[in-house]
Amino acid sequence: MASERVDGSVTAIRASTKQRIDPGMHIRPRSPARQALQRLRRDPAAMAAGVFLVLVALASVLAPVLAPRDPVQTHLEHRLVPPGTPGYPLGADDLGRDILSRLLWGGRISLLVGFGAVLAAMSVGVLVGLLAGYFGGWLDSLVMRLIDILMAFPAILLAIAIVASLGPGLRNAMLAVAIVGIPYYARIVRGSVLSLREQEFVHAARLIGAPGVRILTRHILPNCLGPLIVAATLDVGWMIMAAAGLSFLGLGAQPPTAEWGVMLSQGRQFIRNAPHVSIIPGAAIFLVVLALNLLGDGLRDALDPRLRQ
């Protein structure tokens, strides 16, 4: 009888234990990306900036539908009308062109230049930083000396010199700000690779015979994405301002193209009697760059590995 009671107790304990560790009831640990997203959601400033940027992007993409007028069509009888005029919610410029329509169409160009230049600079900079940091030696010395030469010049002056040599135009301005941004990403990736290539998981990959390309793409590059995402988010704002500055100087987009820098340049001579012609595109640049900086700060805190539990 005692043996039966013991066997029954053991069976009950096993059943209870099996029920508690039932795989169907197992809660999977959250991935780092999900943890970062949850931390980002707790940052109201970053979330508000992200929503604002999404709305700006949607408004720019839908400019052919949302714009009430042709952005380059002139109406001299309505030149410099103030905001709130019927048919001109944000007023008109010196040629009677609707500022709201030009603002929407200009957002397409400014955002395209900002994100396109960052993508181009990051593509080249990441490749250069990966190769220089992982292989080292003469390749690292040569690449970093070239990077130091590029970084010795002020960024905006170097961009002006490149555009001046290539000729004014939106494509050349985009290429110039992309070239200026390459050293920024190369140094970020190289610094991350120098610390990651001595980690245990990289040594383990070498011991099992993994080729260098696989180690770079599967083990090192994914661990560099956090700093790269933050840097790219913050850099888009600078790219937009740099492209707008080149257009303001007459080296970027050319009139009558609807671009925020061109709108600023054309409105500066009317700053006294029609300040809205310059203030509105300037405010658009300010708000977009501010939102990008707030989102970048939020991503930096959310992707910080020291905050992961």
Protein backbone atom coordinates (compact mmCIF):
# COMPACT_ATOMS: atom_id res chain seq x y z
CA MET A 1 0.00 0.00 0.00
CA ALA A 2 2.83 2.36 0.87
CA SER A 3 4.47 1.60 -2.48
CA GLU A 4 1.23 2.38 -4.32
CA ARG A 5 0.92 5.72 -2.49
CA VAL A 6 4.52 6.61 -3.39
CA ASP A 7 3.97 5.68 -7.04
CA GLY A 8 0.77 7.73 -7.12
CA SER A 9 2.56 10.75 -5.62
CA VAL A 10 5.38 10.49 -8.16
CA THR A 11 2.87 10.25 -11.01
CA ALA A 12 1.00 13.29 -9.73
CA ILE A 13 4.22 15.30 -9.41
CA ARG A 14 5.26 14.34 -12.94
CA ALA A 15 1.86 15.31 -14.34
CA SER A 16 1.94 18.62 -12.49
CA THR A 17 5.47 19.33 -13.69
CA LYS A 18 4.58 18.40 -17.27
CA GLN A 19 1.60 20.73 -17.13
CA ARG A 20 3.74 23.60 -15.88
CA ILE A 21 6.36 23.18 -18.60
CA ASP A 22 3.90 22.49 -21.39
CA PRO A 23 5.48 23.87 -24.60
CA GLY A 24 2.17 25.39 -25.55
CA MET A 25 2.31 27.55 -22.46
CA HIS A 26 5.96 28.57 -23.01
CA ILE A 27 6.47 32.32 -23.51
CA ARG A 28 9.16 33.06 -26.06
CA PRO A 29 11.66 35.76 -25.16
CA ARG A 30 11.20 39.00 -26.99
CA SER A 31 13.58 39.71 -29.85
CA PRO A 32 15.96 42.72 -29.61
CA ALA A 33 14.06 44.45 -32.41
CA ARG A 34 10.76 44.10 -30.55
CA GLN A 35 12.33 45.34 -27.33
CA ALA A 36 13.74 48.36 -29.16
CA LEU A 37 10.34 49.09 -30.70
CA GLN A 38 8.66 48.94 -27.31
CA ARG A 39 11.24 51.33 -25.85
CA LEU A 40 10.72 53.67 -28.80
CA ARG A 41 6.96 53.67 -28.19
CA ARG A 42 7.59 54.98 -24.68
CA ASP A 43 9.28 58.10 -26.14
CA PRO A 44 6.45 60.53 -27.00
CA ALA A 45 8.73 63.02 -28.77
CA ALA A 46 10.19 60.36 -31.06
CA MET A 47 6.76 58.90 -31.81
CA ALA A 48 5.32 62.33 -32.61
CA ALA A 49 8.30 63.03 -34.88
CA GLY A 50 7.83 59.70 -36.65
CA VAL A 51 4.12 60.35 -37.25
CA PHE A 52 4.91 63.84 -38.57
CA LEU A 53 7.54 62.48 -40.97
CA VAL A 54 5.13 59.83 -42.24
CA LEU A 55 2.51 62.52 -42.90
CA VAL A 56 5.05 64.70 -44.71
CA ALA A 57 6.17 61.75 -46.83
CA LEU A 58 2.58 60.83 -47.70
CA ALA A 59 1.73 64.44 -48.57
CA SER A 60 4.80 64.62 -50.83
CA VAL A 61 4.04 61.32 -52.56
CA LEU A 62 0.43 62.37 -53.09
CA ALA A 63 1.38 65.85 -54.31
CA PRO A 64 -0.21 65.29 -57.76
CA VAL A 65 -3.51 64.63 -55.98
CA LEU A 66 -3.29 67.08 -53.07
CA ALA A 67 -1.73 70.09 -54.82
CA PRO A 68 -4.52 72.51 -55.80
CA ARG A 69 -2.56 74.04 -58.71
CA ASP A 70 0.32 73.45 -61.08
CA PRO A 71 3.48 74.33 -59.10
CA VAL A 72 5.15 76.14 -62.02
CA GLN A 73 2.10 77.85 -63.53
CA THR A 74 2.26 81.63 -63.11
CA HIS A 75 -0.62 83.99 -62.31
CA LEU A 76 0.81 87.50 -62.24
CA GLU A 77 -2.52 88.99 -61.19
CA HIS A 78 -2.14 87.12 -57.87
CA ARG A 79 1.54 87.76 -57.22
CA LEU A 80 2.57 87.98 -53.53
CA VAL A 81 -0.99 87.53 -52.23
CA PRO A 82 -0.89 86.72 -48.48
CA PRO A 83 -1.89 83.39 -46.90
CA GLY A 84 -5.62 82.90 -46.55
CA THR A 85 -6.47 84.38 -49.92
CA PRO A 86 -9.25 82.39 -51.61
CA GLY A 87 -7.63 79.77 -53.80
CA TYR A 88 -4.21 80.37 -52.17
CA PRO A 89 -4.21 78.90 -48.62
CA LEU A 90 -0.51 79.69 -48.11
CA GLY A 91 -0.32 82.65 -50.44
CA ALA A 92 1.56 83.08 -53.72
CA ASP A 93 5.11 83.99 -54.70
CA ASP A 94 6.38 86.83 -56.89
CA LEU A 95 5.11 85.12 -60.05
CA GLY A 96 1.69 84.20 -58.62
CA ARG A 97 2.54 80.52 -58.18
CA ASP A 98 0.68 78.74 -55.42
CA ILE A 99 3.05 78.22 -52.45
CA LEU A 100 1.11 75.24 -51.09
CA SER A 101 1.45 73.39 -54.41
CA ARG A 102 5.13 74.24 -54.64
CA LEU A 103 5.65 73.15 -51.03
CA LEU A 104 4.07 69.74 -51.67
CA TRP A 105 6.00 69.16 -54.89
CA GLY A 106 9.19 70.52 -53.32
CA GLY A 107 8.89 68.02 -50.49
CA ARG A 108 9.22 65.19 -53.02
CA ILE A 109 12.54 66.58 -54.25
CA SER A 110 13.94 67.50 -50.84
CA LEU A 111 13.08 64.15 -49.26
CA LEU A 112 14.34 62.27 -52.32
CA VAL A 113 17.65 64.12 -52.19
CA GLY A 114 17.99 63.60 -48.43
CA PHE A 115 17.21 59.88 -48.35
CA GLY A 116 18.88 59.16 -51.69
CA ALA A 117 22.12 60.88 -50.71
CA VAL A 118 22.18 59.05 -47.37
CA LEU A 119 21.58 55.71 -49.06
CA ALA A 120 24.38 56.31 -51.56
CA ALA A 121 26.83 57.55 -48.92
CA MET A 122 25.99 54.70 -46.56
CA SER A 123 26.38 52.06 -49.28
CA VAL A 124 29.91 53.17 -50.12
CA GLY A 125 30.89 54.05 -46.56
CA VAL A 126 29.74 50.73 -45.11
CA LEU A 127 31.67 48.76 -47.72
CA VAL A 128 34.82 50.80 -47.18
CA GLY A 129 34.55 50.61 -43.39
CA LEU A 130 33.95 46.85 -43.38
CA LEU A 131 36.97 46.09 -45.57
CA ALA A 132 39.31 48.50 -43.81
CA GLY A 133 38.31 47.44 -40.31
CA TYR A 134 38.30 43.69 -40.90
CA PHE A 135 41.42 43.21 -43.02
CA GLY A 136 43.47 46.07 -41.57
CA GLY A 137 47.09 46.45 -42.65
CA TRP A 138 47.98 48.57 -45.65
CA LEU A 139 44.37 48.64 -46.83
CA ASP A 140 43.21 50.20 -43.56
CA SER A 141 46.05 52.75 -43.63
CA LEU A 142 45.35 53.77 -47.23
CA VAL A 143 41.59 54.05 -46.78
CA MET A 144 41.77 56.00 -43.55
CA ARG A 145 44.29 58.48 -44.97
CA LEU A 146 41.90 59.16 -47.84
CA ILE A 147 39.06 59.54 -45.35
CA ASP A 148 41.16 61.96 -43.29
CA ILE A 149 41.82 64.06 -46.40
CA LEU A 150 38.07 64.30 -47.12
CA MET A 151 37.27 65.16 -43.51
CA ALA A 152 39.94 67.88 -43.44
CA PHE A 153 37.66 70.10 -45.55
CA PRO A 154 34.49 71.67 -44.10
CA ALA A 155 31.60 69.58 -45.38
CA ILE A 156 29.58 72.34 -47.01
CA LEU A 157 32.67 73.89 -48.66
CA LEU A 158 33.65 70.51 -50.08
CA ALA A 159 30.12 70.03 -51.43
CA ILE A 160 30.24 73.49 -53.04
CA ALA A 161 33.61 72.68 -54.63
CA ILE A 162 32.30 69.40 -56.04
CA VAL A 163 29.16 71.00 -57.49
CA ALA A 164 31.19 73.89 -58.89
CA SER A 165 33.47 71.44 -60.70
CA LEU A 166 30.62 69.24 -61.98
CA GLY A 167 28.22 72.05 -62.81
CA PRO A 168 25.02 73.24 -61.10
CA GLY A 169 22.06 70.90 -61.01
CA LEU A 170 20.00 68.77 -58.69
CA ARG A 171 21.74 65.51 -59.62
CA ASN A 172 25.19 66.98 -59.05
CA ALA A 173 24.10 68.50 -55.75
CA MET A 174 22.82 65.11 -54.60
CA LEU A 175 26.10 63.48 -55.67
CA ALA A 176 28.12 66.14 -53.85
CA VAL A 177 26.37 65.75 -50.49
CA ALA A 178 26.60 61.96 -50.86
CA ILE A 179 30.38 62.12 -51.37
CA VAL A 180 30.72 64.38 -48.37
CA GLY A 181 28.81 61.85 -46.23
CA ILE A 182 30.93 58.79 -47.13
CA PRO A 183 33.68 59.39 -44.50
CA TYR A 184 31.05 59.67 -41.77
CA TYR A 185 29.73 56.14 -42.32
CA ALA A 186 33.14 54.66 -43.07
CA ARG A 187 34.49 55.75 -39.70
CA ILE A 188 31.42 54.51 -37.82
CA VAL A 189 31.56 51.06 -39.41
CA ARG A 190 35.33 50.76 -39.11
CA GLY A 191 35.21 51.53 -35.39
CA SER A 192 32.48 48.94 -34.85
CA VAL A 193 34.35 46.31 -36.89
CA LEU A 194 37.59 46.84 -34.96
CA SER A 195 35.79 45.97 -31.71
CA LEU A 196 33.67 43.14 -33.16
CA ARG A 197 36.38 41.22 -35.03
CA GLU A 198 38.00 40.20 -31.73
CA GLN A 199 34.78 38.86 -30.20
CA GLU A 200 34.36 35.17 -29.43
CA PHE A 201 31.63 34.55 -32.02
CA VAL A 202 33.88 35.89 -34.79
CA HIS A 203 36.77 33.67 -33.66
CA ALA A 204 34.38 30.72 -33.57
CA ALA A 205 33.25 31.44 -37.14
CA ARG A 206 36.88 31.49 -38.28
CA LEU A 207 37.63 28.20 -36.52
CA ILE A 208 34.82 26.39 -38.33
CA GLY A 209 36.18 27.62 -41.66
CA ALA A 210 33.68 30.38 -42.50
CA PRO A 211 34.98 32.61 -45.34
CA GLY A 212 35.64 36.29 -44.71
CA VAL A 213 32.68 37.44 -46.77
CA ARG A 214 30.28 35.31 -44.72
CA ILE A 215 31.78 36.55 -41.45
CA LEU A 216 31.37 40.15 -42.59
CA THR A 217 27.81 39.81 -43.88
CA ARG A 218 26.35 37.33 -41.36
CA HIS A 219 28.18 38.11 -38.12
CA ILE A 220 29.75 41.58 -38.15
CA LEU A 221 27.44 43.72 -40.31
CA PRO A 222 24.21 42.87 -38.39
CA ASN A 223 25.88 44.07 -35.18
CA CYS A 224 26.70 47.40 -36.83
CA LEU A 225 23.12 48.15 -37.87
CA GLY A 226 22.13 49.91 -34.64
CA PRO A 227 24.68 52.76 -34.91
CA LEU A 228 24.12 52.93 -38.67
CA ILE A 229 20.35 53.39 -38.36
CA VAL A 230 20.78 56.17 -35.82
CA ALA A 231 23.49 57.88 -37.88
CA ALA A 232 21.44 57.66 -41.09
CA THR A 233 18.33 59.11 -39.41
CA LEU A 234 20.28 62.07 -38.07
CA ASP A 235 22.17 62.52 -41.35
CA VAL A 236 19.07 62.79 -43.54
CA GLY A 237 18.30 66.15 -41.94
CA TRP A 238 21.80 67.42 -42.69
CA MET A 239 21.56 66.19 -46.28
CA ILE A 240 18.27 68.05 -46.77
CA MET A 241 19.74 71.26 -45.35
CA ALA A 242 22.92 70.90 -47.44
CA ALA A 243 20.96 70.33 -50.65
CA ALA A 244 18.67 73.26 -49.83
CA GLY A 245 21.74 75.41 -49.12
CA LEU A 246 23.26 74.52 -52.49
CA SER A 247 19.96 75.34 -54.20
CA PHE A 248 19.82 78.62 -52.26
CA LEU A 249 23.24 79.50 -53.69
CA GLY A 250 22.14 78.57 -57.21
CA LEU A 251 24.21 75.37 -57.36
CA GLY A 252 21.45 72.82 -56.79
CA ALA A 253 17.97 72.65 -58.25
CA GLN A 254 17.35 75.38 -60.79
CA PRO A 255 14.24 77.57 -61.20
CA PRO A 256 11.39 77.05 -61.88
CA THR A 257 11.79 73.68 -60.09
CA ALA A 258 9.65 73.50 -56.96
CA GLU A 259 12.31 72.80 -54.31
CA TRP A 260 12.48 74.21 -50.79
CA GLY A 261 15.95 75.73 -51.23
CA VAL A 262 14.93 77.36 -54.52
CA MET A 263 11.80 78.75 -52.85
CA LEU A 264 13.94 80.25 -50.09
CA SER A 265 16.31 81.81 -52.58
CA GLN A 266 13.54 83.35 -54.68
CA GLY A 267 11.69 84.72 -51.65
CA ARG A 268 14.60 86.43 -49.89
CA GLN A 269 14.22 89.66 -51.90
CA PHE A 270 10.61 89.97 -50.71
CA ILE A 271 11.32 89.34 -47.04
CA ARG A 272 10.09 92.83 -46.08
CA ASN A 273 6.79 93.14 -47.93
CA ALA A 274 5.95 89.42 -48.39
CA PRO A 275 7.79 87.43 -45.68
CA HIS A 276 5.58 84.36 -46.14
CA VAL A 277 7.32 83.54 -49.42
CA SER A 278 10.50 82.67 -47.49
CA ILE A 279 9.12 81.81 -44.06
CA ILE A 280 6.91 78.93 -45.23
CA PRO A 281 9.60 76.86 -47.03
CA GLY A 282 12.06 77.72 -44.27
CA ALA A 283 9.61 76.47 -41.65
CA ALA A 284 9.12 73.26 -43.66
CA ILE A 285 12.87 72.59 -43.66
CA PHE A 286 13.10 73.43 -39.95
CA LEU A 287 10.25 71.14 -38.92
CA VAL A 288 11.42 68.18 -41.02
CA VAL A 289 15.01 68.43 -39.76
CA LEU A 290 13.78 68.82 -36.16
CA ALA A 291 11.57 65.75 -36.51
CA LEU A 292 14.46 63.72 -37.94
CA ASN A 293 16.69 64.74 -35.03
CA LEU A 294 14.05 63.82 -32.46
CA LEU A 295 13.47 60.47 -34.14
CA GLY A 296 17.20 59.84 -34.30
CA ASP A 297 17.58 60.58 -30.58
CA GLY A 298 14.73 58.20 -29.81
CA LEU A 299 16.26 55.46 -31.95
CA ARG A 300 19.63 55.95 -30.28
CA ASP A 301 18.09 55.37 -26.86
CA ALA A 302 15.94 52.47 -28.07
CA LEU A 303 18.83 50.67 -29.78
CA ASP A 304 21.30 51.21 -26.93
CA PRO A 305 22.42 47.67 -25.95
CA ARG A 306 23.00 48.82 -22.36
CA LEU A 307 19.22 49.19 -21.95
CA ARG A 308 18.45 45.63 -23.00
CA GLN A 309 17.35 43.33 -20.22
